[in-house]
C-alpha atoms as a PDB file:
ATOM      1  CA  MET A   1      76.783 -68.893 288.088  1.00  0.00           C
ATOM      2  CA  ILE A   2      79.822 -67.811 286.183  1.00  0.00           C
ATOM      3  CA  ALA A   3      82.054 -70.869 285.003  1.00  0.00           C
ATOM      4  CA  ILE A   4      85.657 -69.774 284.150  1.00  0.00           C
ATOM      5  CA  THR A   5      87.921 -72.506 282.098  1.00  0.00           C
ATOM      6  CA  GLY A   6      91.748 -72.083 282.776  1.00  0.00           C
ATOM      7  CA  ILE A   7      91.002 -69.982 285.853  1.00  0.00           C
ATOM      8  CA  SER A   8      94.318 -71.005 287.068  1.00  0.00           C
ATOM      9  CA  GLY A   9      96.051 -69.256 283.948  1.00  0.00           C
ATOM     10  CA  TYR A  10      97.546 -65.618 283.708  1.00  0.00           C
ATOM     11  CA  ILE A  11      94.394 -64.203 282.655  1.00  0.00           C
ATOM     12  CA  GLY A  12      91.571 -66.401 284.416  1.00  0.00           C
ATOM     13  CA  CYS A  13      93.181 -65.451 288.215  1.00  0.00           C
ATOM     14  CA  HIS A  14      92.920 -62.141 287.233  1.00  0.00           C
ATOM     15  CA  VAL A  15      89.206 -62.312 286.264  1.00  0.00           C
ATOM     16  CA  SER A  16      88.308 -63.811 289.193  1.00  0.00           C
ATOM     17  CA  HIS A  17      89.947 -61.191 291.504  1.00  0.00           C
ATOM     18  CA  LEU A  18      87.686 -58.754 289.741  1.00  0.00           C
ATOM     19  CA  LEU A  19      84.660 -60.992 289.985  1.00  0.00           C
ATOM     20  CA  LYS A  20      85.407 -61.696 293.517  1.00  0.00           C
ATOM     21  CA  GLU A  21      85.769 -57.819 294.472  1.00  0.00           C
ATOM     22  CA  ASN A  22      82.583 -57.219 292.904  1.00  0.00           C
ATOM     23  CA  ASN A  23      80.886 -60.048 294.881  1.00  0.00           C
ATOM     24  CA  THR A  24      79.941 -62.008 291.673  1.00  0.00           C
ATOM     25  CA  PRO A  25      79.414 -65.960 292.288  1.00  0.00           C
ATOM     26  CA  HIS A  26      81.556 -67.620 290.269  1.00  0.00           C
ATOM     27  CA  LYS A  27      84.025 -71.126 290.051  1.00  0.00           C
ATOM     28  CA  GLY A  28      86.812 -72.435 287.786  1.00  0.00           C
ATOM     29  CA  ILE A  29      87.008 -75.112 285.256  1.00  0.00           C
ATOM     30  CA  ILE A  30      90.548 -76.657 285.268  1.00  0.00           C
ATOM     31  CA  ARG A  31      92.044 -79.718 284.071  1.00  0.00           C
ATOM     32  CA  LYS A  32      92.360 -82.647 286.130  1.00  0.00           C
ATOM     33  CA  ASN A  33      96.162 -82.979 287.694  1.00  0.00           C
ATOM     34  CA  PRO A  34      96.713 -79.385 287.848  1.00  0.00           C
ATOM     35  CA  LYS A  35     100.137 -77.791 289.660  1.00  0.00           C
ATOM     36  CA  GLN A  36      99.270 -77.810 293.097  1.00  0.00           C
ATOM     37  CA  ASP A  37     100.695 -73.945 293.650  1.00  0.00           C
ATOM     38  CA  ASP A  38      97.412 -73.193 291.528  1.00  0.00           C
ATOM     39  CA  LEU A  39      94.750 -75.201 293.581  1.00  0.00           C
ATOM     40  CA  ASP A  40      96.424 -73.881 296.503  1.00  0.00           C
ATOM     41  CA  ILE A  41      95.689 -70.106 295.296  1.00  0.00           C
ATOM     42  CA  LEU A  42      92.290 -71.208 294.359  1.00  0.00           C
ATOM     43  CA  ASP A  43      92.016 -72.503 298.191  1.00  0.00           C
ATOM     44  CA  ALA A  44      93.370 -69.651 300.045  1.00  0.00           C
ATOM     45  CA  GLN A  45      90.931 -67.262 298.042  1.00  0.00           C
ATOM     46  CA  LYS A  46      88.037 -70.043 298.808  1.00  0.00           C
ATOM     47  CA  ILE A  47      87.096 -70.456 294.760  1.00  0.00           C
ATOM     48  CA  PRO A  48      85.179 -73.308 293.734  1.00  0.00           C
ATOM     49  CA  TYR A  49      86.559 -75.383 291.117  1.00  0.00           C
ATOM     50  CA  SER A  50      86.088 -78.701 288.888  1.00  0.00           C
ATOM     51  CA  LEU A  51      88.734 -80.832 287.489  1.00  0.00           C
ATOM     52  CA  VAL A  52      87.955 -81.718 284.216  1.00  0.00           C
ATOM     53  CA  ASP A  53      88.862 -84.254 281.305  1.00  0.00           C
ATOM     54  CA  PHE A  54      88.364 -81.319 278.834  1.00  0.00           C
ATOM     55  CA  THR A  55      88.290 -84.361 275.940  1.00  0.00           C
ATOM     56  CA  ASP A  56      85.232 -85.575 277.911  1.00  0.00           C
ATOM     57  CA  GLU A  57      81.656 -84.082 277.354  1.00  0.00           C
ATOM     58  CA  GLN A  58      80.067 -85.429 280.339  1.00  0.00           C
ATOM     59  CA  SER A  59      82.595 -84.577 282.550  1.00  0.00           C
ATOM     60  CA  LEU A  60      82.527 -80.743 281.020  1.00  0.00           C
ATOM     61  CA  CYS A  61      78.638 -81.540 281.362  1.00  0.00           C
ATOM     62  CA  ASP A  62      78.482 -82.408 285.285  1.00  0.00           C
ATOM     63  CA  ALA A  63      81.168 -79.437 285.843  1.00  0.00           C
ATOM     64  CA  LEU A  64      78.527 -76.763 283.965  1.00  0.00           C
ATOM     65  CA  ASN A  65      75.539 -78.136 286.271  1.00  0.00           C
ATOM     66  CA  GLY A  66      73.856 -74.572 287.602  1.00  0.00           C
ATOM     67  CA  VAL A  67      75.937 -72.462 285.157  1.00  0.00           C
ATOM     68  CA  GLU A  68      74.746 -69.836 283.250  1.00  0.00           C
ATOM     69  CA  TYR A  69      77.693 -68.191 281.749  1.00  0.00           C
ATOM     70  CA  ILE A  70      81.145 -69.138 280.571  1.00  0.00           C
ATOM     71  CA  VAL A  71      84.341 -67.174 279.912  1.00  0.00           C
ATOM     72  CA  HIS A  72      86.326 -69.720 277.577  1.00  0.00           C
ATOM     73  CA  LEU A  73      90.222 -69.106 278.496  1.00  0.00           C
ATOM     74  CA  VAL A  74      91.899 -72.482 278.141  1.00  0.00           C
ATOM     75  CA  GLY A  75      94.650 -72.051 275.188  1.00  0.00           C
ATOM     76  CA  SER A  76      98.330 -71.733 274.655  1.00  0.00           C
ATOM     77  CA  ILE A  77     100.475 -70.160 272.287  1.00  0.00           C
ATOM     78  CA  TYR A  78     102.911 -73.034 273.139  1.00  0.00           C
ATOM     79  CA  LYS A  79     101.785 -76.861 271.980  1.00  0.00           C
ATOM     80  CA  PRO A  80     100.784 -78.799 274.880  1.00  0.00           C
ATOM     81  CA  LYS A  81     102.407 -82.007 275.738  1.00  0.00           C
ATOM     82  CA  ASN A  82     100.626 -84.883 273.650  1.00  0.00           C
ATOM     83  CA  MET A  83      98.142 -82.819 272.188  1.00  0.00           C
ATOM     84  CA  THR A  84      97.851 -80.522 268.696  1.00  0.00           C
ATOM     85  CA  MET A  85      97.009 -77.291 268.725  1.00  0.00           C
ATOM     86  CA  ASP A  86      94.014 -77.999 266.747  1.00  0.00           C
ATOM     87  CA  ALA A  87      93.055 -80.299 269.527  1.00  0.00           C
ATOM     88  CA  MET A  88      93.379 -77.332 272.066  1.00  0.00           C
ATOM     89  CA  HIS A  89      91.941 -74.751 270.685  1.00  0.00           C
ATOM     90  CA  LYS A  90      89.106 -75.752 268.424  1.00  0.00           C
ATOM     91  CA  GLY A  91      88.772 -79.438 269.783  1.00  0.00           C
ATOM     92  CA  ILE A  92      87.692 -78.587 273.735  1.00  0.00           C
ATOM     93  CA  THR A  93      85.876 -75.466 272.195  1.00  0.00           C
ATOM     94  CA  GLN A  94      83.609 -78.424 270.523  1.00  0.00           C
ATOM     95  CA  THR A  95      83.425 -80.199 273.397  1.00  0.00           C
ATOM     96  CA  LEU A  96      82.897 -77.221 275.940  1.00  0.00           C
ATOM     97  CA  LEU A  97      80.168 -76.225 273.378  1.00  0.00           C
ATOM     98  CA  THR A  98      78.343 -79.489 273.205  1.00  0.00           C
ATOM     99  CA  ALA A  99      78.091 -79.665 277.332  1.00  0.00           C
ATOM    100  CA  ALA A 100      76.987 -75.904 277.509  1.00  0.00           C
ATOM    101  CA  LYS A 101      74.175 -76.408 275.173  1.00  0.00           C
ATOM    102  CA  LYS A 102      73.009 -79.646 276.969  1.00  0.00           C
ATOM    103  CA  GLN A 103      72.765 -77.625 280.291  1.00  0.00           C
ATOM    104  CA  ALA A 104      71.336 -74.541 278.546  1.00  0.00           C
ATOM    105  CA  VAL A 105      74.337 -72.094 278.975  1.00  0.00           C
ATOM    106  CA  LYS A 106      72.931 -68.577 278.240  1.00  0.00           C
ATOM    107  CA  LYS A 107      76.209 -66.708 276.982  1.00  0.00           C
ATOM    108  CA  ILE A 108      79.964 -67.293 276.401  1.00  0.00           C
ATOM    109  CA  ILE A 109      82.822 -64.927 276.156  1.00  0.00           C
ATOM    110  CA  TYR A 110      85.782 -66.513 274.474  1.00  0.00           C
ATOM    111  CA  VAL A 111      88.838 -64.608 274.607  1.00  0.00           C
ATOM    112  CA  SER A 112      90.702 -65.706 271.298  1.00  0.00           C
ATOM    113  CA  ALA A 113      93.575 -63.170 269.848  1.00  0.00           C
ATOM    114  CA  LEU A 114      93.999 -60.097 267.500  1.00  0.00           C
ATOM    115  CA  GLY A 115      95.350 -61.321 264.299  1.00  0.00           C
ATOM    116  CA  SER A 116      92.930 -64.680 264.414  1.00  0.00           C
ATOM    117  CA  ARG A 117      91.481 -66.112 260.870  1.00  0.00           C
ATOM    118  CA  LEU A 118      91.566 -69.307 259.410  1.00  0.00           C
ATOM    119  CA  ASP A 119      93.883 -68.292 256.563  1.00  0.00           C
ATOM    120  CA  ALA A 120      96.677 -67.182 259.189  1.00  0.00           C
ATOM    121  CA  PRO A 121     100.436 -68.105 259.045  1.00  0.00           C
ATOM    122  CA  SER A 122     100.794 -68.810 262.305  1.00  0.00           C
ATOM    123  CA  ASP A 123      99.280 -72.479 263.947  1.00  0.00           C
ATOM    124  CA  TYR A 124      98.091 -70.321 267.003  1.00  0.00           C
ATOM    125  CA  HIS A 125      95.668 -67.987 265.118  1.00  0.00           C
ATOM    126  CA  ARG A 126      94.711 -70.280 262.820  1.00  0.00           C
ATOM    127  CA  THR A 127      93.283 -72.612 265.659  1.00  0.00           C
ATOM    128  CA  LYS A 128      92.090 -69.793 267.359  1.00  0.00           C
ATOM    129  CA  ALA A 129      89.876 -68.667 264.597  1.00  0.00           C
ATOM    130  CA  MET A 130      88.704 -72.481 264.253  1.00  0.00           C
ATOM    131  CA  ALA A 131      87.195 -72.447 267.905  1.00  0.00           C
ATOM    132  CA  GLU A 132      85.841 -68.877 266.899  1.00  0.00           C
ATOM    133  CA  ALA A 133      84.128 -70.479 263.889  1.00  0.00           C
ATOM    134  CA  GLU A 134      82.618 -73.518 266.064  1.00  0.00           C
ATOM    135  CA  ILE A 135      81.379 -70.946 268.798  1.00  0.00           C
ATOM    136  CA  LYS A 136      79.482 -68.623 266.254  1.00  0.00           C
ATOM    137  CA  LYS A 137      77.830 -72.003 264.557  1.00  0.00           C
ATOM    138  CA  SER A 138      77.326 -73.121 268.280  1.00  0.00           C
ATOM    139  CA  GLY A 139      73.910 -71.294 268.706  1.00  0.00           C
ATOM    140  CA  ILE A 140      75.216 -70.047 272.042  1.00  0.00           C
ATOM    141  CA  PRO A 141      74.715 -66.388 272.546  1.00  0.00           C
ATOM    142  CA  TYR A 142      78.607 -65.463 272.370  1.00  0.00           C
ATOM    143  CA  VAL A 143      81.256 -62.427 272.731  1.00  0.00           C
ATOM    144  CA  ILE A 144      84.599 -63.052 271.038  1.00  0.00           C
ATOM    145  CA  LEU A 145      87.442 -60.859 272.856  1.00  0.00           C
ATOM    146  CA  GLN A 146      90.445 -60.176 270.240  1.00  0.00           C
ATOM    147  CA  PRO A 147      93.484 -59.036 272.483  1.00  0.00           C
ATOM    148  CA  SER A 148      96.769 -57.884 271.667  1.00  0.00           C
ATOM    149  CA  LEU A 149      99.855 -58.069 273.290  1.00  0.00           C
ATOM    150  CA  ILE A 150      98.767 -59.063 276.912  1.00  0.00           C
ATOM    151  CA  PHE A 151     101.024 -57.351 279.714  1.00  0.00           C
ATOM    152  CA  GLY A 152     100.918 -56.442 283.249  1.00  0.00           C
ATOM    153  CA  LYS A 153     100.848 -57.181 286.823  1.00  0.00           C
ATOM    154  CA  LYS A 154     102.114 -60.773 288.490  1.00  0.00           C
ATOM    155  CA  CYS A 155      99.116 -62.684 289.837  1.00  0.00           C
ATOM    156  CA  GLY A 156     100.323 -65.116 292.142  1.00  0.00           C
ATOM    157  CA  TYR A 157     103.079 -66.768 290.878  1.00  0.00           C
ATOM    158  CA  ARG A 158     102.056 -66.473 286.933  1.00  0.00           C
ATOM    159  CA  ASN A 159     102.871 -63.280 284.907  1.00  0.00           C
ATOM    160  CA  SER A 160     102.736 -62.903 281.195  1.00  0.00           C
ATOM    161  CA  LYS A 161     104.463 -65.149 279.104  1.00  0.00           C
ATOM    162  CA  LEU A 162     106.388 -62.584 277.220  1.00  0.00           C
ATOM    163  CA  VAL A 163     107.123 -59.910 279.318  1.00  0.00           C
ATOM    164  CA  ALA A 164     108.270 -62.907 281.776  1.00  0.00           C
ATOM    165  CA  ARG A 165     110.448 -64.736 279.134  1.00  0.00           C
ATOM    166  CA  LEU A 166     111.715 -61.841 277.927  1.00  0.00           C
ATOM    167  CA  SER A 167     112.655 -60.354 281.111  1.00  0.00           C
ATOM    168  CA  GLN A 168     114.200 -63.242 282.133  1.00  0.00           C
ATOM    169  CA  SER A 169     116.506 -63.677 278.679  1.00  0.00           C
ATOM    170  CA  ILE A 170     117.614 -59.703 279.351  1.00  0.00           C
ATOM    171  CA  GLN A 171     118.541 -60.414 282.669  1.00  0.00           C
ATOM    172  CA  LYS A 172     120.458 -63.438 281.517  1.00  0.00           C
ATOM    173  CA  LEU A 173     122.129 -61.672 278.100  1.00  0.00           C
ATOM    174  CA  PRO A 174     124.211 -58.971 277.721  1.00  0.00           C
ATOM    175  CA  PHE A 175     122.115 -57.696 275.221  1.00  0.00           C
ATOM    176  CA  ILE A 176     118.291 -57.244 275.012  1.00  0.00           C
ATOM    177  CA  PRO A 177     117.130 -60.027 272.136  1.00  0.00           C
ATOM    178  CA  ILE A 178     115.202 -58.829 269.523  1.00  0.00           C
ATOM    179  CA  LEU A 179     113.711 -61.426 266.529  1.00  0.00           C
ATOM    180  CA  GLY A 180     114.317 -59.499 263.056  1.00  0.00           C
ATOM    181  CA  LYS A 181     114.268 -55.591 262.820  1.00  0.00           C
ATOM    182  CA  GLY A 182     111.738 -55.265 265.715  1.00  0.00           C
ATOM    183  CA  ALA A 183     109.556 -53.111 263.450  1.00  0.00           C
ATOM    184  CA  ASN A 184     106.509 -55.221 263.465  1.00  0.00           C
ATOM    185  CA  LYS A 185     104.063 -53.030 265.743  1.00  0.00           C
ATOM    186  CA  LEU A 186     101.725 -54.249 268.662  1.00  0.00           C
ATOM    187  CA  GLN A 187      99.056 -52.522 270.809  1.00  0.00           C
ATOM    188  CA  PRO A 188      99.912 -53.741 274.624  1.00  0.00           C
ATOM    189  CA  LEU A 189      96.837 -54.421 276.405  1.00  0.00           C
ATOM    190  CA  PHE A 190      97.119 -54.227 280.120  1.00  0.00           C
ATOM    191  CA  ILE A 191      95.945 -57.401 281.539  1.00  0.00           C
ATOM    192  CA  MET A 192      93.137 -55.522 284.110  1.00  0.00           C
ATOM    193  CA  ASP A 193      91.956 -53.257 281.190  1.00  0.00           C
ATOM    194  CA  LEU A 194      91.144 -57.444 279.421  1.00  0.00           C
ATOM    195  CA  ALA A 195      89.668 -58.518 282.736  1.00  0.00           C
ATOM    196  CA  ARG A 196      87.664 -55.280 282.861  1.00  0.00           C
ATOM    197  CA  CYS A 197      86.355 -55.827 279.583  1.00  0.00           C
ATOM    198  CA  ILE A 198      85.577 -59.502 280.247  1.00  0.00           C
ATOM    199  CA  CYS A 199      83.479 -58.699 283.086  1.00  0.00           C
ATOM    200  CA  GLU A 200      81.623 -56.259 281.208  1.00  0.00           C
ATOM    201  CA  SER A 201      80.940 -58.543 278.788  1.00  0.00           C
ATOM    202  CA  LEU A 202      79.189 -60.789 280.822  1.00  0.00           C
ATOM    203  CA  LYS A 203      76.839 -57.734 282.355  1.00  0.00           C
ATOM    204  CA  GLN A 204      76.068 -56.229 278.971  1.00  0.00           C
ATOM    205  CA  ASP A 205      73.293 -57.178 276.581  1.00  0.00           C
ATOM    206  CA  LYS A 206      75.525 -57.215 273.626  1.00  0.00           C
ATOM    207  CA  MET A 207      75.367 -60.830 271.714  1.00  0.00           C
ATOM    208  CA  ASN A 208      77.055 -62.583 268.858  1.00  0.00           C
ATOM    209  CA  ILE A 209      79.814 -60.015 268.424  1.00  0.00           C
ATOM    210  CA  THR A 210      83.769 -59.893 267.998  1.00  0.00           C
ATOM    211  CA  ILE A 211      85.566 -57.187 269.599  1.00  0.00           C
ATOM    212  CA  GLU A 212      89.248 -56.330 268.939  1.00  0.00           C
ATOM    213  CA  LEU A 213      91.099 -54.994 271.812  1.00  0.00           C
ATOM    214  CA  GLY A 214      93.943 -52.946 272.196  1.00  0.00           C
ATOM    215  CA  GLY A 215      95.529 -50.890 274.733  1.00  0.00           C
ATOM    216  CA  PRO A 216      95.936 -47.053 274.116  1.00  0.00           C
ATOM    217  CA  ASP A 217      99.549 -46.883 271.950  1.00  0.00           C
ATOM    218  CA  VAL A 218     100.934 -48.634 269.208  1.00  0.00           C
ATOM    219  CA  MET A 219     104.627 -49.463 269.389  1.00  0.00           C
ATOM    220  CA  PRO A 220     106.928 -51.484 267.319  1.00  0.00           C
ATOM    221  CA  PHE A 221     108.224 -54.641 269.357  1.00  0.00           C
ATOM    222  CA  GLU A 222     111.843 -52.953 269.816  1.00  0.00           C
ATOM    223  CA  LYS A 223     109.917 -50.556 271.987  1.00  0.00           C
ATOM    224  CA  ILE A 224     108.253 -52.961 274.066  1.00  0.00           C
ATOM    225  CA  ALA A 225     111.545 -54.820 274.681  1.00  0.00           C
ATOM    226  CA  ARG A 226     113.148 -51.674 275.787  1.00  0.00           C
ATOM    227  CA  ILE A 227     110.352 -51.098 278.408  1.00  0.00           C
ATOM    228  CA  ILE A 228     110.506 -54.357 279.646  1.00  0.00           C
ATOM    229  CA  ALA A 229     114.328 -54.119 279.792  1.00  0.00           C
ATOM    230  CA  LYS A 230     114.050 -50.909 281.844  1.00  0.00           C
ATOM    231  CA  ALA A 231     111.031 -52.463 284.534  1.00  0.00           C
ATOM    232  CA  SER A 232     113.674 -55.225 284.586  1.00  0.00           C
ATOM    233  CA  GLY A 233     116.610 -52.563 285.615  1.00  0.00           C
ATOM    234  CA  HIS A 234     118.822 -53.087 282.431  1.00  0.00           C
ATOM    235  CA  GLU A 235     117.902 -50.350 280.119  1.00  0.00           C
ATOM    236  CA  HIS A 236     121.488 -49.199 279.932  1.00  0.00           C
ATOM    237  CA  LYS A 237     121.712 -52.731 277.427  1.00  0.00           C
ATOM    238  CA  LYS A 238     121.599 -52.643 273.716  1.00  0.00           C
ATOM    239  CA  CYS A 239     119.177 -54.456 271.111  1.00  0.00           C
ATOM    240  CA  ALA A 240     120.557 -57.427 269.348  1.00  0.00           C
ATOM    241  CA  HIS A 241     118.686 -57.951 266.226  1.00  0.00           C
ATOM    242  CA  ILE A 242     118.675 -61.513 265.777  1.00  0.00           C
ATOM    243  CA  PRO A 243     118.335 -62.653 261.766  1.00  0.00           C
ATOM    244  CA  ILE A 244     114.686 -64.195 261.013  1.00  0.00           C
ATOM    245  CA  PRO A 245     116.420 -67.421 259.379  1.00  0.00           C
ATOM    246  CA  VAL A 246     118.748 -67.639 262.908  1.00  0.00           C
ATOM    247  CA  ALA A 247     115.590 -67.053 264.719  1.00  0.00           C
ATOM    248  CA  ARG A 248     113.733 -69.977 263.170  1.00  0.00           C
ATOM    249  CA  ILE A 249     116.510 -72.461 263.740  1.00  0.00           C
ATOM    250  CA  LEU A 250     116.906 -71.647 267.515  1.00  0.00           C
ATOM    251  CA  ALA A 251     113.223 -71.417 268.019  1.00  0.00           C
ATOM    252  CA  GLY A 252     113.206 -75.074 266.713  1.00  0.00           C
ATOM    253  CA  ILE A 253     115.579 -76.810 268.643  1.00  0.00           C
ATOM    254  CA  MET A 254     114.035 -74.614 271.658  1.00  0.00           C
ATOM    255  CA  GLU A 255     110.769 -76.519 270.950  1.00  0.00           C
ATOM    256  CA  LYS A 256     112.190 -79.947 270.953  1.00  0.00           C
ATOM    257  CA  VAL A 257     114.337 -79.381 274.371  1.00  0.00           C
ATOM    258  CA  SER A 258     111.421 -77.537 276.259  1.00  0.00           C
ATOM    259  CA  ALA A 259     108.175 -77.702 276.875  1.00  0.00           C
ATOM    260  CA  GLN A 260     107.811 -73.979 277.007  1.00  0.00           C
ATOM    261  CA  PRO A 261     110.538 -72.392 275.320  1.00  0.00           C
ATOM    262  CA  LYS A 262     111.533 -68.880 274.986  1.00  0.00           C
ATOM    263  CA  ILE A 263     110.656 -68.783 271.503  1.00  0.00           C
ATOM    264  CA  THR A 264     108.560 -70.637 269.002  1.00  0.00           C
ATOM    265  CA  VAL A 265     108.461 -71.177 265.177  1.00  0.00           C
ATOM    266  CA  ASP A 266     105.078 -69.554 265.336  1.00  0.00           C
ATOM    267  CA  GLN A 267     106.138 -66.701 267.483  1.00  0.00           C
ATOM    268  CA  VAL A 268     109.097 -65.891 264.628  1.00  0.00           C
ATOM    269  CA  ARG A 269     106.238 -66.190 261.736  1.00  0.00           C
ATOM    270  CA  MET A 270     104.158 -63.606 263.851  1.00  0.00           C
ATOM    271  CA  VAL A 271     106.934 -60.873 263.502  1.00  0.00           C
ATOM    272  CA  HIS A 272     106.409 -60.347 260.021  1.00  0.00           C
ATOM    273  CA  PHE A 273     102.916 -58.616 260.985  1.00  0.00           C
ATOM    274  CA  ASP A 274     101.638 -56.415 262.843  1.00  0.00           C
ATOM    275  CA  ASN A 275      99.154 -56.810 265.431  1.00  0.00           C
ATOM    276  CA  ILE A 276      96.740 -54.020 265.610  1.00  0.00           C
ATOM    277  CA  CYS A 277      93.169 -53.024 265.953  1.00  0.00           C
ATOM    278  CA  ALA A 278      91.554 -52.661 262.747  1.00  0.00           C
ATOM    279  CA  ASN A 279      88.742 -50.166 264.370  1.00  0.00           C
ATOM    280  CA  ASP A 280      88.062 -48.436 267.341  1.00  0.00           C
ATOM    281  CA  ALA A 281      85.210 -50.437 268.655  1.00  0.00           C
ATOM    282  CA  MET A 282      86.877 -51.340 271.841  1.00  0.00           C
ATOM    283  CA  ASN A 283      86.668 -48.153 273.101  1.00  0.00           C
ATOM    284  CA  THR A 284      83.148 -47.467 271.872  1.00  0.00           C
ATOM    285  CA  ILE A 285      81.738 -50.770 273.494  1.00  0.00           C
ATOM    286  CA  PHE A 286      84.225 -50.435 276.692  1.00  0.00           C
ATOM    287  CA  PRO A 287      84.495 -46.583 277.063  1.00  0.00           C
ATOM    288  CA  PHE A 288      86.690 -46.404 279.924  1.00  0.00           C
ATOM    289  CA  LYS A 289      90.362 -45.227 280.200  1.00  0.00           C
ATOM    290  CA  LYS A 290      92.853 -47.685 279.244  1.00  0.00           C
ATOM    291  CA  ILE A 291      96.813 -48.050 281.099  1.00  0.00           C
ATOM    292  CA  SER A 292      99.584 -47.690 278.234  1.00  0.00           C
ATOM    293  CA  MET A 293     102.523 -50.019 278.876  1.00  0.00           C
ATOM    294  CA  GLU A 294     104.828 -47.206 279.743  1.00  0.00           C
ATOM    295  CA  LYS A 295     102.328 -45.939 282.296  1.00  0.00           C
ATOM    296  CA  ALA A 296     102.436 -49.526 284.048  1.00  0.00           C
ATOM    297  CA  ILE A 297     106.263 -49.783 284.052  1.00  0.00           C
ATOM    298  CA  ASP A 298     106.531 -49.975 287.721  1.00  0.00           C
ATOM    299  CA  ILE A 299     103.785 -52.957 287.864  1.00  0.00           C
ATOM    300  CA  LEU A 300     105.415 -55.236 285.062  1.00  0.00           C
ATOM    301  CA  LEU A 301     107.783 -57.654 286.946  1.00  0.00           C
END
């Protein structure tokens, strides 16, 4: 049995769809008091799930009874309500690992993020790296996947956070908003390519490795924004570059007034750095053809 933490999230629902297509038994592990829409989708697809307190070891231990493999997806670029980024990424992972060891889980697949390191300037990447460190020292065989920007088709009512929020902004504003120069390079990865890498990691006997994941094209953020604008029918709009000091102030205000702001201070920090793979290990380990963002334009929204 495979357990997917955060199965109701954007990545989780795509992984679940792929496992179901292959008749692979799996269940969801999601937080207590989820959105009813998430439960409705799981119920409609007849996916079993356990509602847990991710900070409670016994709650997780009970949910992992009979589980052999874990796909760990819990995480967010947004600071959750009443919880620090450290607690969400490192803390939840620590508790999950303790419960997993008690239940003799054979392997954990952790979806981290490209650019994660302990000295990263962004809290998101730093705390993701802290979670990675906990997994590496746990003694449980693992595969850590580090995807670049994820894009792709909608699943249920969810879409890629960046694609959805940037599309909404483009539709509301008379211009395409770009943080800074928009020259920072990313390697957009199609959501179903990520899901396939996750499922292949479950089947392969490779253990205790970290794999950087990126799509076939490296492109500056401004080009990505233009692709999203085209997909939403607003390719005629011009780009407006928001100076970084101004973006930082706007992000700080948005964080104070919204639980899921369109931009965060952390995201503004990330603008200063490229987010691309340092090697081609992904194509060696997962040698299937990847879908480019430009070719997937018809299914972005």
